[in-house]
Amino acid sequence: MVHHQRFHQWRKGEAHIFGDVEHGLVVFDFASFGYKRKKPRLFYLLLISLLSCGFVLLVPELFGSSSLSLLYSFGVDSEVARENYDANAPPCSSMSNGTICCDRSGVRTDLCIMKGDVRTHSASSSVFLYSPKQTSGLVDLFSSFLGVAEDHADEELQHEKIRPYTRKWESNTMETIDELDLVVRKDIAGARHQCDVWHNVTAVFFSTGGYTGNVYHEFNDGILPLYITSQHFNKEVVFVILEYHNWWITKYGEILSHLTNYPPIDFSGDKRTHCFPEAIVGLNIHDELTVDPSLMKGKKSILDFRHLLDRAYWKRVNGLIQDEEREMQLKPNQPPSGSVQEPRMKINKQDQKPQLKKPKLVILSRGGSRALVNEDCLVKMAEEMGFKVEVLSPDRTTELAKIYRVLNSSEVMIGVHGAAMTHFLFLKPGSVFIQVVPLGTDWAAETYYGEPARKLGLKYIGYEILPRESSLYGEYDKADPVLTNPKSVTEKGWEYTKKIYLDGQNVSLDMTRFRKRLSKAYDYSFTKINWHSNLLLNLPSADSLD
């Protein structure tokens, strides 16, 4: 039991510490040794270290051996720690407050997690994490006496740099992405740092720079990784965006509203200090336009993301339908602008058979390169086959809800390989997706759209054109590798691929050859949407396109 309660007494330029050695209290009198507070800090730091060592030696007498055992419970020799250690656990799956853990093992992205007192500082492109004090109360006491705490309150303990964008392997692209400094600072004095806005939920930092403006990259590099990283928070998360674009917020607002309950923060534009208990800097990404259930909490898949799109666009689509109904009431003799009629195949009433629906085919039309030059012939052939055809020409300004409405209500989508094929995400699982594959694009067409489409549950058909169906057929000698061996050309690099096959090629379909694919798609989709009439009409089942 310590009887003396007088721990310190101050005089100008001097310090006295009293105690009772007999009862376990150390007594020092700095003034008696002639030391002043203005002496070099090194001496005091050494003195504090000595006092700390003495304190540890005195712990058994002060608190008992059971208290001392707590000091070792954090060491590598702890039996509990060894039992709970999981060598197969993913990086950063377990970390303590006041630390940063960065996983840089991925080819596509880096990701850092900060836990504790997280604060933004946009002026320096930094995010600070103030680490809680780790020293004993006695050391803090002496530190406060000597003025050391104030000098070292903002001492850097860890410093990481990260560009929060998901194309890590493309060095030229990553150089255009704003870099963040993630800094852990010591806060042994418990200093009160400025906090303008306090959030009690996790922050996710990411960039909308890079290839933003291209719908494929917007979904593949941004929206899907954002879903993967944040969906398990059940909307209790704040998005902090680098290279913030108002148009991006408007374009993807419906999706964002189903991932977060809070307005996004413009990191550079909002100069206030935002404070969080945790921050995730960077986004996880699995593969091209997909979600890997084995890497997701709750085993979420691309189908779960597709269901989110349904919820996100339902309200807006319902509003569009109501607008058209009001327009029809005002002009009863005219179809509403932008609407798609739902013609049905008429059956003789005497047969007393149900009306059969026509499958809807949407052609995504391209302008410029990789255009379908005989698109009109395709429309005519499809209509003669029995399809209800709609030609859709989306651009960067087209509202996504309108594209979603058209494709979600269709059975078949056709398009020439390009970024617009990303809209296959709006098709209902079980629909048919026919991708026209120009020369030199077979690998990209399969990797970026074919395989992901199958993962979504679509019936995918890749139509690889012949050299004579390419506009390049009239520009190169018939024996030129550009026509006969596109792979040898694409292996030369992206510059050759882009210039020759992406920017310099259009397509003219061989209608006889293409009709075979389209006929299979028609039979499948017609049977599928009229399944309820199959028994009455003796239609074949819709189970395969083979």
Protein backbone atom coordinates (compact mmCIF):
# COMPACT_ATOMS: atom_id res chain seq x y z
CA MET A 1 0.00 0.00 0.00
CA VAL A 2 1.43 3.39 -1.00
CA HIS A 3 0.85 5.96 1.71
CA HIS A 4 2.41 9.03 0.12
CA GLN A 5 0.18 10.83 -2.39
CA ARG A 6 2.48 13.78 -3.22
CA PHE A 7 3.91 12.82 -6.61
CA HIS A 8 5.33 16.13 -7.76
CA GLN A 9 5.95 19.71 -6.85
CA TRP A 10 6.96 22.39 -9.33
CA ARG A 11 9.25 25.35 -8.92
CA LYS A 12 10.44 27.57 -11.72
CA GLY A 13 13.03 25.65 -13.70
CA GLU A 14 13.10 22.76 -11.21
CA ALA A 15 11.34 19.48 -10.59
CA HIS A 16 10.97 17.51 -7.37
CA ILE A 17 9.56 14.01 -7.15
CA PHE A 18 8.84 12.57 -3.76
CA GLY A 19 8.03 9.06 -2.68
CA ASP A 20 8.58 6.27 -0.23
CA VAL A 21 11.13 3.66 -1.26
CA GLU A 22 10.12 1.41 1.61
CA HIS A 23 6.61 1.14 0.17
CA GLY A 24 7.64 0.79 -3.46
CA LEU A 25 7.65 4.45 -4.50
CA VAL A 26 10.78 5.82 -6.17
CA VAL A 27 11.95 9.30 -5.14
CA PHE A 28 13.92 11.63 -7.43
CA ASP A 29 14.84 15.28 -7.00
CA PHE A 30 16.05 16.72 -10.32
CA ALA A 31 16.82 20.11 -8.81
CA SER A 32 19.18 18.60 -6.26
CA PHE A 33 21.34 17.36 -9.14
CA GLY A 34 21.30 20.80 -10.73
CA TYR A 35 19.34 19.82 -13.83
CA LYS A 36 17.04 22.39 -15.45
CA ARG A 37 14.12 21.77 -17.84
CA LYS A 38 16.01 23.55 -20.61
CA LYS A 39 18.64 20.79 -20.78
CA PRO A 40 18.88 18.73 -24.00
CA ARG A 41 15.95 16.43 -24.59
CA LEU A 42 18.25 13.43 -25.12
CA PHE A 43 19.11 13.36 -21.43
CA TYR A 44 15.47 13.34 -20.45
CA LEU A 45 14.57 10.66 -22.94
CA LEU A 46 17.32 8.47 -21.52
CA LEU A 47 16.09 9.21 -18.03
CA ILE A 48 12.55 8.26 -18.97
CA SER A 49 13.82 4.98 -20.41
CA LEU A 50 15.63 4.20 -17.16
CA LEU A 51 12.54 5.06 -15.16
CA SER A 52 10.44 2.81 -17.39
CA CYS A 53 12.81 -0.09 -16.80
CA GLY A 54 12.70 0.55 -13.08
CA PHE A 55 8.93 0.66 -13.21
CA VAL A 56 8.77 -2.78 -14.87
CA LEU A 57 11.04 -4.19 -12.18
CA LEU A 58 8.76 -2.76 -9.51
CA VAL A 59 5.56 -4.06 -11.11
CA PRO A 60 5.48 -7.39 -9.19
CA GLU A 61 5.65 -5.49 -5.92
CA LEU A 62 3.04 -2.93 -6.98
CA PHE A 63 0.48 -5.11 -8.70
CA GLY A 64 1.41 -8.74 -8.14
CA SER A 65 2.66 -11.41 -10.52
CA SER A 66 -0.75 -11.83 -12.18
CA SER A 67 -0.61 -8.25 -13.44
CA LEU A 68 2.87 -8.80 -14.82
CA SER A 69 1.65 -11.71 -16.91
CA LEU A 70 -0.53 -9.27 -18.87
CA LEU A 71 2.59 -7.60 -20.21
CA TYR A 72 3.60 -10.83 -21.94
CA SER A 73 0.18 -11.68 -23.36
CA PHE A 74 0.97 -9.58 -26.42
CA GLY A 75 4.26 -11.35 -27.22
CA VAL A 76 4.92 -13.93 -29.92
CA ASP A 77 5.21 -16.62 -27.26
CA SER A 78 1.57 -16.29 -26.24
CA GLU A 79 -0.19 -19.66 -26.41
CA VAL A 80 -3.50 -17.94 -27.17
CA ALA A 81 -1.97 -16.01 -30.05
CA ARG A 82 -0.52 -19.18 -31.53
CA GLU A 83 -3.82 -21.01 -31.25
CA ASN A 84 -5.73 -18.17 -32.96
CA TYR A 85 -3.17 -17.60 -35.69
CA ASP A 86 -4.43 -18.53 -39.14
CA ALA A 87 -1.67 -18.82 -41.73
CA ASN A 88 -4.26 -18.96 -44.50
CA ALA A 89 -6.13 -15.82 -43.45
CA PRO A 90 -6.17 -13.05 -46.10
CA PRO A 91 -3.84 -10.08 -45.60
CA CYS A 92 -5.11 -7.40 -43.22
CA SER A 93 -7.87 -9.68 -41.92
CA SER A 94 -6.71 -8.98 -38.36
CA MET A 95 -5.18 -5.71 -37.22
CA SER A 96 -5.24 -3.47 -34.17
CA ASN A 97 -6.27 0.14 -33.76
CA GLY A 98 -3.73 2.79 -34.60
CA THR A 99 -2.17 0.82 -37.45
CA ILE A 100 -2.13 0.67 -41.24
CA CYS A 101 -2.13 -2.64 -43.10
CA CYS A 102 -1.47 -2.61 -46.84
CA ASP A 103 -1.95 -5.56 -49.16
CA ARG A 104 0.22 -4.99 -52.23
CA SER A 105 0.25 -8.60 -53.38
CA GLY A 106 -2.34 -8.16 -56.12
CA VAL A 107 -1.53 -7.57 -59.76
CA ARG A 108 -4.55 -5.37 -60.34
CA THR A 109 -4.76 -3.24 -57.20
CA ASP A 110 -3.26 -2.18 -53.89
CA LEU A 111 -5.45 -1.86 -50.83
CA CYS A 112 -4.71 -0.33 -47.42
CA ILE A 113 -6.78 -0.39 -44.25
CA MET A 114 -6.49 2.19 -41.46
CA LYS A 115 -8.07 1.59 -38.06
CA GLY A 116 -8.48 4.10 -35.28
CA ASP A 117 -8.52 7.89 -35.32
CA VAL A 118 -8.54 8.53 -39.10
CA ARG A 119 -8.57 12.13 -40.37
CA THR A 120 -8.43 13.60 -43.88
CA HIS A 121 -6.17 16.45 -44.92
CA SER A 122 -6.89 17.24 -48.57
CA ALA A 123 -4.45 20.16 -48.76
CA SER A 124 -1.51 17.74 -48.45
CA SER A 125 -3.27 14.80 -50.18
CA SER A 126 -2.94 12.93 -46.90
CA VAL A 127 -4.96 10.77 -44.59
CA PHE A 128 -3.66 10.75 -41.02
CA LEU A 129 -4.12 8.07 -38.41
CA TYR A 130 -3.36 9.13 -34.86
CA SER A 131 -2.07 6.19 -32.91
CA PRO A 132 -3.19 5.85 -29.29
CA LYS A 133 -0.51 6.16 -26.62
CA GLN A 134 1.41 2.95 -26.02
CA THR A 135 3.50 3.97 -22.99
CA SER A 136 2.84 3.46 -19.31
CA GLY A 137 1.13 6.06 -17.19
CA LEU A 138 4.38 6.76 -15.32
CA VAL A 139 6.25 7.48 -18.55
CA ASP A 140 3.44 9.76 -19.70
CA LEU A 141 3.64 11.52 -16.36
CA PHE A 142 7.35 12.24 -16.71
CA SER A 143 6.88 13.16 -20.39
CA SER A 144 4.32 15.78 -19.46
CA PHE A 145 6.67 17.17 -16.77
CA LEU A 146 9.52 17.51 -19.23
CA GLY A 147 7.54 18.82 -22.20
CA VAL A 148 8.50 15.86 -24.36
CA ALA A 149 4.95 14.83 -25.21
CA GLU A 150 4.17 18.05 -27.02
CA ASP A 151 7.28 17.75 -29.16
CA HIS A 152 6.56 14.17 -30.23
CA ALA A 153 2.77 14.16 -30.47
CA ASP A 154 2.91 14.18 -34.26
CA GLU A 155 5.90 11.89 -34.72
CA GLU A 156 5.51 9.66 -37.79
CA LEU A 157 5.30 5.97 -36.97
CA GLN A 158 4.36 4.68 -40.45
CA HIS A 159 4.04 6.20 -43.91
CA GLU A 160 2.43 4.51 -46.92
CA LYS A 161 1.71 5.81 -50.42
CA ILE A 162 -1.10 4.53 -52.60
CA ARG A 163 -2.91 5.37 -55.83
CA PRO A 164 -6.45 4.00 -55.27
CA TYR A 165 -7.24 2.73 -58.76
CA THR A 166 -7.64 -0.82 -60.06
CA ARG A 167 -5.22 -0.91 -63.00
CA LYS A 168 -2.02 -1.22 -61.01
CA TRP A 169 -0.12 -3.03 -63.78
CA GLU A 170 -0.54 -0.10 -66.22
CA SER A 171 2.20 2.23 -65.02
CA ASN A 172 1.38 5.00 -67.49
CA THR A 173 -2.25 5.04 -66.41
CA MET A 174 -1.41 4.88 -62.71
CA GLU A 175 0.85 7.92 -63.02
CA THR A 176 -2.25 9.97 -63.88
CA ILE A 177 -4.03 8.89 -60.67
CA ASP A 178 -3.73 11.15 -57.62
CA GLU A 179 -1.51 9.66 -54.94
CA LEU A 180 -2.46 9.59 -51.27
CA ASP A 181 -0.07 9.71 -48.31
CA LEU A 182 -1.27 7.51 -45.45
CA VAL A 183 0.50 8.52 -42.25
CA VAL A 184 0.37 7.12 -38.73
CA ARG A 185 1.29 9.73 -36.15
CA LYS A 186 2.07 9.27 -32.49
CA ASP A 187 -0.41 10.87 -30.16
CA ILE A 188 1.00 10.16 -26.70
CA ALA A 189 -0.20 13.49 -25.35
CA GLY A 190 -3.81 12.89 -26.39
CA ALA A 191 -3.78 16.13 -28.37
CA ARG A 192 -7.11 17.40 -29.63
CA HIS A 193 -6.73 17.52 -33.42
CA GLN A 194 -9.24 19.38 -35.52
CA CYS A 195 -12.27 17.43 -36.70
CA ASP A 196 -14.85 19.33 -38.75
CA VAL A 197 -17.09 16.38 -39.63
CA TRP A 198 -17.24 13.19 -37.61
CA HIS A 199 -18.52 10.00 -39.25
CA ASN A 200 -19.19 6.90 -37.17
CA VAL A 201 -18.92 4.57 -40.17
CA THR A 202 -16.08 3.29 -42.36
CA ALA A 203 -14.76 5.35 -45.27
CA VAL A 204 -13.82 3.88 -48.65
CA PHE A 205 -11.36 5.98 -50.68
CA PHE A 206 -11.12 5.47 -54.45
CA SER A 207 -10.44 7.39 -57.66
CA THR A 208 -12.74 8.04 -60.60
CA GLY A 209 -9.82 9.06 -62.78
CA GLY A 210 -8.00 6.88 -65.29
CA TYR A 211 -10.26 5.55 -68.05
CA THR A 212 -13.42 6.99 -66.55
CA GLY A 213 -15.57 8.10 -69.49
CA ASN A 214 -15.55 4.63 -71.05
CA VAL A 215 -18.51 2.56 -69.85
CA TYR A 216 -16.50 -0.68 -69.72
CA HIS A 217 -13.88 0.86 -67.46
CA GLU A 218 -16.49 2.68 -65.40
CA PHE A 219 -18.08 -0.65 -64.50
CA ASN A 220 -15.03 -2.91 -64.52
CA ASP A 221 -12.53 -0.60 -62.80
CA GLY A 222 -14.98 1.31 -60.62
CA ILE A 223 -18.57 0.26 -59.98
CA LEU A 224 -18.05 -3.51 -59.63
CA PRO A 225 -14.93 -3.13 -57.44
CA LEU A 226 -16.87 -0.61 -55.34
CA TYR A 227 -19.63 -3.19 -54.90
CA ILE A 228 -17.10 -5.90 -54.03
CA THR A 229 -15.39 -3.68 -51.45
CA SER A 230 -18.41 -2.08 -49.79
CA GLN A 231 -21.55 -4.22 -50.10
CA HIS A 232 -20.99 -6.05 -46.80
CA PHE A 233 -21.34 -2.75 -44.91
CA ASN A 234 -25.07 -2.76 -45.76
CA LYS A 235 -24.90 0.88 -46.90
CA GLU A 236 -23.31 2.06 -43.63
CA VAL A 237 -20.22 3.39 -45.40
CA VAL A 238 -19.03 6.73 -46.78
CA PHE A 239 -17.36 7.04 -50.19
CA VAL A 240 -14.46 9.50 -50.44
CA ILE A 241 -13.66 10.14 -54.10
CA LEU A 242 -10.42 11.37 -55.65
CA GLU A 243 -10.70 13.10 -59.04
CA TYR A 244 -14.37 13.66 -58.35
CA HIS A 245 -16.71 14.25 -61.34
CA ASN A 246 -20.24 15.58 -60.91
CA TRP A 247 -21.36 13.82 -64.10
CA TRP A 248 -20.13 10.48 -62.73
CA ILE A 249 -22.17 10.97 -59.56
CA THR A 250 -25.24 11.80 -61.66
CA LYS A 251 -24.70 8.86 -64.03
CA TYR A 252 -24.26 6.26 -61.28
CA GLY A 253 -26.36 7.89 -58.59
CA GLU A 254 -29.00 5.12 -58.57
CA ILE A 255 -26.35 2.47 -58.01
CA LEU A 256 -24.50 4.49 -55.36
CA SER A 257 -27.72 5.02 -53.43
CA HIS A 258 -27.96 1.24 -53.00
CA LEU A 259 -24.39 0.98 -51.72
CA THR A 260 -24.34 3.87 -49.24
CA ASN A 261 -26.74 5.87 -47.11
CA TYR A 262 -24.47 8.93 -47.21
CA PRO A 263 -23.52 11.51 -49.85
CA PRO A 264 -20.07 10.97 -51.38
CA ILE A 265 -17.22 13.28 -50.41
CA ASP A 266 -15.08 15.14 -52.93
CA PHE A 267 -11.67 14.60 -51.35
CA SER A 268 -9.89 17.47 -53.10
CA GLY A 269 -12.84 19.85 -53.23
CA ASP A 270 -13.94 19.45 -49.60
CA LYS A 271 -11.29 21.12 -47.45
CA ARG A 272 -12.90 20.14 -44.16
CA THR A 273 -11.29 17.54 -41.93
CA HIS A 274 -13.42 14.39 -42.04
CA CYS A 275 -12.88 11.87 -39.26
CA PHE A 276 -13.57 8.14 -39.39
CA PRO A 277 -13.05 5.11 -37.14
CA GLU A 278 -11.76 3.13 -40.11
CA ALA A 279 -10.75 3.71 -43.72
CA ILE A 280 -10.29 1.40 -46.68
CA VAL A 281 -8.09 3.02 -49.30
CA GLY A 282 -8.37 1.38 -52.72
CA LEU A 283 -10.83 -1.13 -54.14
CA ASN A 284 -10.84 -4.90 -54.45
CA ILE A 285 -11.28 -6.35 -57.92
CA HIS A 286 -11.72 -10.00 -58.90
CA ASP A 287 -11.76 -10.37 -62.68
CA GLU A 288 -13.29 -8.81 -65.79
CA LEU A 289 -16.87 -7.63 -65.11
CA THR A 290 -17.54 -10.26 -62.48
CA VAL A 291 -17.75 -11.07 -58.79
CA ASP A 292 -16.02 -14.17 -57.40
CA PRO A 293 -18.26 -15.71 -54.68
CA SER A 294 -15.30 -17.50 -53.09
CA LEU A 295 -13.76 -14.11 -52.25
CA MET A 296 -16.94 -12.47 -50.99
CA LYS A 297 -18.49 -12.31 -47.55
CA GLY A 298 -21.81 -14.10 -47.79
CA LYS A 299 -20.71 -15.72 -51.09
CA LYS A 300 -22.18 -12.86 -53.12
CA SER A 301 -21.91 -13.28 -56.90
CA ILE A 302 -22.42 -11.31 -60.09
CA LEU A 303 -26.08 -12.33 -59.89
CA ASP A 304 -26.36 -10.44 -56.61
CA PHE A 305 -24.92 -7.38 -58.33
CA ARG A 306 -27.46 -7.86 -61.12
CA HIS A 307 -30.26 -7.91 -58.51
CA LEU A 308 -28.88 -4.63 -57.13
CA LEU A 309 -29.24 -3.11 -60.61
CA ASP A 310 -32.88 -4.20 -60.63
CA ARG A 311 -33.49 -2.40 -57.34
CA ALA A 312 -31.46 0.63 -58.39
CA TYR A 313 -33.30 1.29 -61.66
CA TRP A 314 -36.82 0.13 -60.76
CA LYS A 315 -38.00 3.52 -59.48
CA ARG A 316 -36.68 5.46 -62.47
CA VAL A 317 -38.02 2.94 -65.00
CA ASN A 318 -41.40 3.00 -63.31
CA GLY A 319 -41.34 6.79 -63.61
CA LEU A 320 -40.56 6.58 -67.32
CA ILE A 321 -43.50 4.22 -67.83
CA GLN A 322 -45.86 6.55 -65.97
CA ASP A 323 -44.66 9.50 -68.07
CA GLU A 324 -45.46 7.56 -71.24
CA GLU A 325 -48.89 6.59 -69.97
CA ARG A 326 -49.69 10.25 -69.28
CA GLU A 327 -48.45 11.12 -72.76
CA MET A 328 -50.73 8.48 -74.27
CA GLN A 329 -53.71 9.93 -72.44
CA LEU A 330 -52.97 13.32 -73.93
CA LYS A 331 -52.43 11.89 -77.42
CA PRO A 332 -54.55 8.72 -77.60
CA ASN A 333 -54.00 8.20 -81.32
CA GLN A 334 -50.21 8.36 -81.20
CA PRO A 335 -47.69 6.04 -79.55
CA PRO A 336 -45.63 7.75 -76.84
CA SER A 337 -42.21 8.99 -77.87
CA GLY A 338 -39.43 6.58 -77.05
CA SER A 339 -41.81 3.76 -76.23
CA VAL A 340 -41.61 0.27 -77.61
CA GLN A 341 -44.85 -1.38 -78.60
CA GLU A 342 -45.47 -4.98 -77.65
CA PRO A 343 -46.91 -6.61 -80.78
CA ARG A 344 -48.09 -10.18 -80.43
CA MET A 345 -48.58 -12.92 -82.95
CA LYS A 346 -52.31 -13.17 -83.66
CA ILE A 347 -53.96 -16.53 -83.35
CA ASN A 348 -57.35 -17.36 -84.89
CA LYS A 349 -59.94 -16.99 -82.12
CA GLN A 350 -61.63 -20.16 -83.29
CA ASP A 351 -58.49 -22.08 -82.34
CA GLN A 352 -58.92 -20.78 -78.77
CA LYS A 353 -55.17 -20.77 -78.40
CA PRO A 354 -53.24 -18.17 -76.35
CA GLN A 355 -51.48 -15.32 -78.12
CA LEU A 356 -47.76 -15.86 -78.56
CA LYS A 357 -45.27 -13.13 -77.74
CA LYS A 358 -42.55 -12.15 -80.16
CA PRO A 359 -39.05 -12.27 -78.71
CA LYS A 360 -37.48 -8.84 -78.52
CA LEU A 361 -34.10 -8.29 -80.18
CA VAL A 362 -31.98 -5.23 -79.38
CA ILE A 363 -29.16 -4.23 -81.71
CA LEU A 364 -26.53 -2.02 -80.09
CA SER A 365 -25.53 0.24 -82.96
CA ARG A 366 -22.02 1.69 -83.24
CA GLY A 367 -20.86 4.78 -85.01
CA GLY A 368 -17.30 5.29 -86.23
CA SER A 369 -15.01 2.28 -86.09
CA ARG A 370 -16.35 -1.28 -85.90
CA ALA A 371 -19.68 -0.12 -87.25
CA LEU A 372 -22.09 -2.67 -88.72
CA VAL A 373 -22.36 -1.30 -92.23
CA ASN A 374 -25.27 -3.54 -93.30
CA GLU A 375 -27.26 -3.06 -90.10
CA ASP A 376 -30.45 -2.38 -92.06
CA CYS A 377 -30.20 -5.83 -93.66
CA LEU A 378 -29.85 -7.38 -90.21
CA VAL A 379 -32.95 -5.57 -88.96
CA LYS A 380 -34.97 -6.72 -91.96
CA MET A 381 -33.83 -10.34 -91.65
CA ALA A 382 -34.57 -10.43 -87.90
CA GLU A 383 -38.06 -8.99 -88.37
CA GLU A 384 -38.82 -11.49 -91.10
CA MET A 385 -37.67 -14.25 -88.78
CA GLY A 386 -40.23 -13.13 -86.19
CA PHE A 387 -38.25 -10.85 -83.87
CA LYS A 388 -39.51 -7.56 -82.56
CA VAL A 389 -36.44 -5.40 -83.26
CA GLU A 390 -35.17 -2.24 -81.57
CA VAL A 391 -31.96 -0.45 -82.54
CA LEU A 392 -30.25 1.28 -79.64
CA SER A 393 -27.41 3.77 -80.08
CA PRO A 394 -26.17 4.68 -76.59
CA ASP A 395 -23.49 7.30 -76.01
CA ARG A 396 -21.80 8.79 -72.96
CA THR A 397 -24.77 11.03 -72.23
CA THR A 398 -27.47 8.37 -72.50
CA GLU A 399 -29.20 7.79 -69.18
CA LEU A 400 -28.34 4.31 -67.94
CA ALA A 401 -31.87 3.70 -66.65
CA LYS A 402 -33.19 4.05 -70.20
CA ILE A 403 -30.64 1.55 -71.54
CA TYR A 404 -31.43 -0.78 -68.67
CA ARG A 405 -35.15 -0.58 -69.42
CA VAL A 406 -34.68 -1.57 -73.07
CA LEU A 407 -32.28 -4.45 -72.41
CA ASN A 408 -34.01 -5.76 -69.29
CA SER A 409 -37.16 -6.23 -71.34
CA SER A 410 -35.40 -7.99 -74.23
CA GLU A 411 -34.57 -11.60 -74.98
CA VAL A 412 -31.61 -11.13 -77.36
CA MET A 413 -28.86 -8.52 -77.67
CA ILE A 414 -26.52 -8.18 -80.67
CA GLY A 415 -23.52 -5.89 -80.93
CA VAL A 416 -20.06 -5.57 -82.42
CA HIS A 417 -17.20 -5.94 -79.91
CA GLY A 418 -16.56 -2.73 -78.00
CA ALA A 419 -17.21 -0.94 -74.71
CA ALA A 420 -20.98 -0.89 -75.29
CA MET A 421 -21.01 -4.67 -74.83
CA THR A 422 -20.69 -3.90 -71.11
CA HIS A 423 -24.45 -3.38 -71.18
CA PHE A 424 -24.90 -7.15 -71.23
CA LEU A 425 -25.05 -6.61 -67.45
CA PHE A 426 -28.56 -5.21 -68.01
CA LEU A 427 -29.84 -8.41 -69.65
CA LYS A 428 -31.86 -10.82 -67.56
CA PRO A 429 -30.05 -14.10 -66.82
CA GLY A 430 -31.12 -16.64 -69.43
CA SER A 431 -31.16 -14.05 -72.24
CA VAL A 432 -29.09 -14.45 -75.42
CA PHE A 433 -26.03 -12.29 -76.06
CA ILE A 434 -24.54 -12.40 -79.57
CA GLN A 435 -21.22 -10.60 -79.89
CA VAL A 436 -19.90 -9.95 -83.38
CA VAL A 437 -16.12 -10.42 -83.15
CA PRO A 438 -14.06 -8.46 -85.71
CA LEU A 439 -10.65 -9.64 -86.89
CA GLY A 440 -7.93 -9.38 -84.25
CA THR A 441 -10.32 -9.03 -81.31
CA ASP A 442 -11.16 -12.64 -80.48
CA TRP A 443 -9.13 -12.79 -77.26
CA ALA A 444 -10.49 -9.49 -75.94
CA ALA A 445 -14.06 -10.33 -76.95
CA GLU A 446 -13.95 -13.63 -75.04
CA THR A 447 -12.04 -12.33 -72.01
CA TYR A 448 -13.87 -9.04 -71.44
CA TYR A 449 -17.41 -10.01 -72.43
CA GLY A 450 -17.87 -13.67 -73.41
CA GLU A 451 -16.70 -15.34 -70.22
CA PRO A 452 -18.28 -12.72 -67.91
CA ALA A 453 -21.59 -13.07 -69.78
CA ARG A 454 -21.64 -16.80 -69.15
CA LYS A 455 -20.93 -16.19 -65.46
CA LEU A 456 -24.02 -13.96 -65.38
CA GLY A 457 -26.08 -16.85 -66.76
CA LEU A 458 -26.50 -15.55 -70.31
CA LYS A 459 -26.59 -17.73 -73.42
CA TYR A 460 -23.50 -16.38 -75.16
CA ILE A 461 -22.74 -16.69 -78.88
CA GLY A 462 -19.47 -15.31 -80.22
CA TYR A 463 -19.71 -14.71 -83.96
CA GLU A 464 -16.15 -14.45 -85.30
CA ILE A 465 -16.25 -12.81 -88.70
CA LEU A 466 -14.34 -14.08 -91.73
CA PRO A 467 -11.79 -11.84 -93.48
CA ARG A 468 -14.27 -11.10 -96.28
CA GLU A 469 -16.73 -9.67 -93.69
CA SER A 470 -14.13 -7.09 -92.62
CA SER A 471 -13.51 -3.73 -94.28
CA LEU A 472 -9.81 -4.62 -94.03
CA TYR A 473 -10.40 -7.18 -96.78
CA GLY A 474 -10.38 -4.41 -99.37
CA GLU A 475 -7.38 -2.61 -97.89
CA TYR A 476 -4.78 -5.39 -97.61
CA ASP A 477 -3.45 -8.10 -99.87
CA LYS A 478 -5.38 -11.33 -99.40
CA ALA A 479 -2.20 -13.04 -98.12
CA ASP A 480 -1.31 -10.27 -95.66
CA PRO A 481 -0.99 -11.41 -92.02
CA VAL A 482 -3.49 -8.69 -91.06
CA LEU A 483 -6.11 -10.93 -92.70
CA THR A 484 -4.59 -14.39 -92.50
CA ASN A 485 -2.90 -14.30 -89.10
CA PRO A 486 -4.28 -11.48 -86.89
CA LYS A 487 -2.64 -13.00 -83.80
CA SER A 488 0.83 -12.34 -85.24
CA VAL A 489 -0.14 -8.67 -85.60
CA THR A 490 -1.73 -8.23 -82.17
CA GLU A 491 1.34 -9.80 -80.55
CA LYS A 492 3.33 -6.80 -81.74
CA GLY A 493 1.59 -4.67 -79.13
CA TRP A 494 -1.41 -2.57 -78.27
CA GLU A 495 -0.51 0.20 -80.73
CA TYR A 496 -0.85 -2.18 -83.70
CA THR A 497 -4.04 -3.75 -82.36
CA LYS A 498 -5.71 -0.41 -81.73
CA LYS A 499 -4.68 1.23 -85.01
CA ILE A 500 -5.53 -1.69 -87.33
CA TYR A 501 -8.29 -3.73 -85.70
CA LEU A 502 -10.03 -1.35 -83.31
CA ASP A 503 -9.85 2.04 -85.01
CA GLY A 504 -9.57 0.96 -88.65
CA GLN A 505 -12.12 -1.81 -89.13
CA ASN A 506 -15.84 -2.02 -89.90
CA VAL A 507 -18.02 -5.10 -90.36
CA SER A 508 -20.36 -6.27 -93.12
CA LEU A 509 -22.13 -9.43 -91.99
CA ASP A 510 -22.54 -12.41 -94.27
CA MET A 511 -26.30 -12.68 -93.72
CA THR A 512 -26.51 -16.30 -94.85
CA ARG A 513 -23.82 -17.29 -92.39
CA PHE A 514 -25.11 -15.11 -89.57
CA ARG A 515 -28.69 -16.30 -90.04
CA LYS A 516 -27.79 -19.71 -88.60
CA ARG A 517 -26.80 -18.14 -85.25
CA LEU A 518 -29.77 -15.83 -85.23
CA SER A 519 -32.16 -18.65 -86.01
CA LYS A 520 -30.94 -20.60 -82.98
CA ALA A 521 -31.37 -17.52 -80.82
CA TYR A 522 -34.90 -17.05 -82.11
CA ASP A 523 -35.97 -20.63 -81.46
CA TYR A 524 -34.55 -20.54 -77.97
CA SER A 525 -35.98 -17.16 -76.95
CA PHE A 526 -39.37 -17.73 -78.59
CA THR A 527 -39.84 -21.00 -76.74
CA LYS A 528 -38.56 -19.50 -73.49
CA ILE A 529 -40.97 -16.55 -73.34
CA ASN A 530 -43.92 -18.72 -74.40
CA TRP A 531 -43.13 -21.59 -72.04
CA HIS A 532 -46.59 -21.37 -70.47
CA SER A 533 -48.08 -22.29 -73.86
CA ASN A 534 -45.67 -25.11 -74.63
CA LEU A 535 -48.02 -27.90 -73.68
CA LEU A 536 -50.95 -26.51 -75.65
CA LEU A 537 -48.92 -25.74 -78.75
CA ASN A 538 -46.49 -28.67 -78.51
CA LEU A 539 -43.47 -26.36 -78.70
CA PRO A 540 -39.99 -27.72 -78.01
CA SER A 541 -38.37 -26.88 -74.66
CA ALA A 542 -35.95 -23.96 -74.36
CA ASP A 543 -32.97 -25.60 -72.76
CA SER A 544 -30.10 -25.22 -75.22
CA LEU A 545 -28.77 -23.25 -78.15
CA ASP A 546 -26.64 -26.16 -79.35
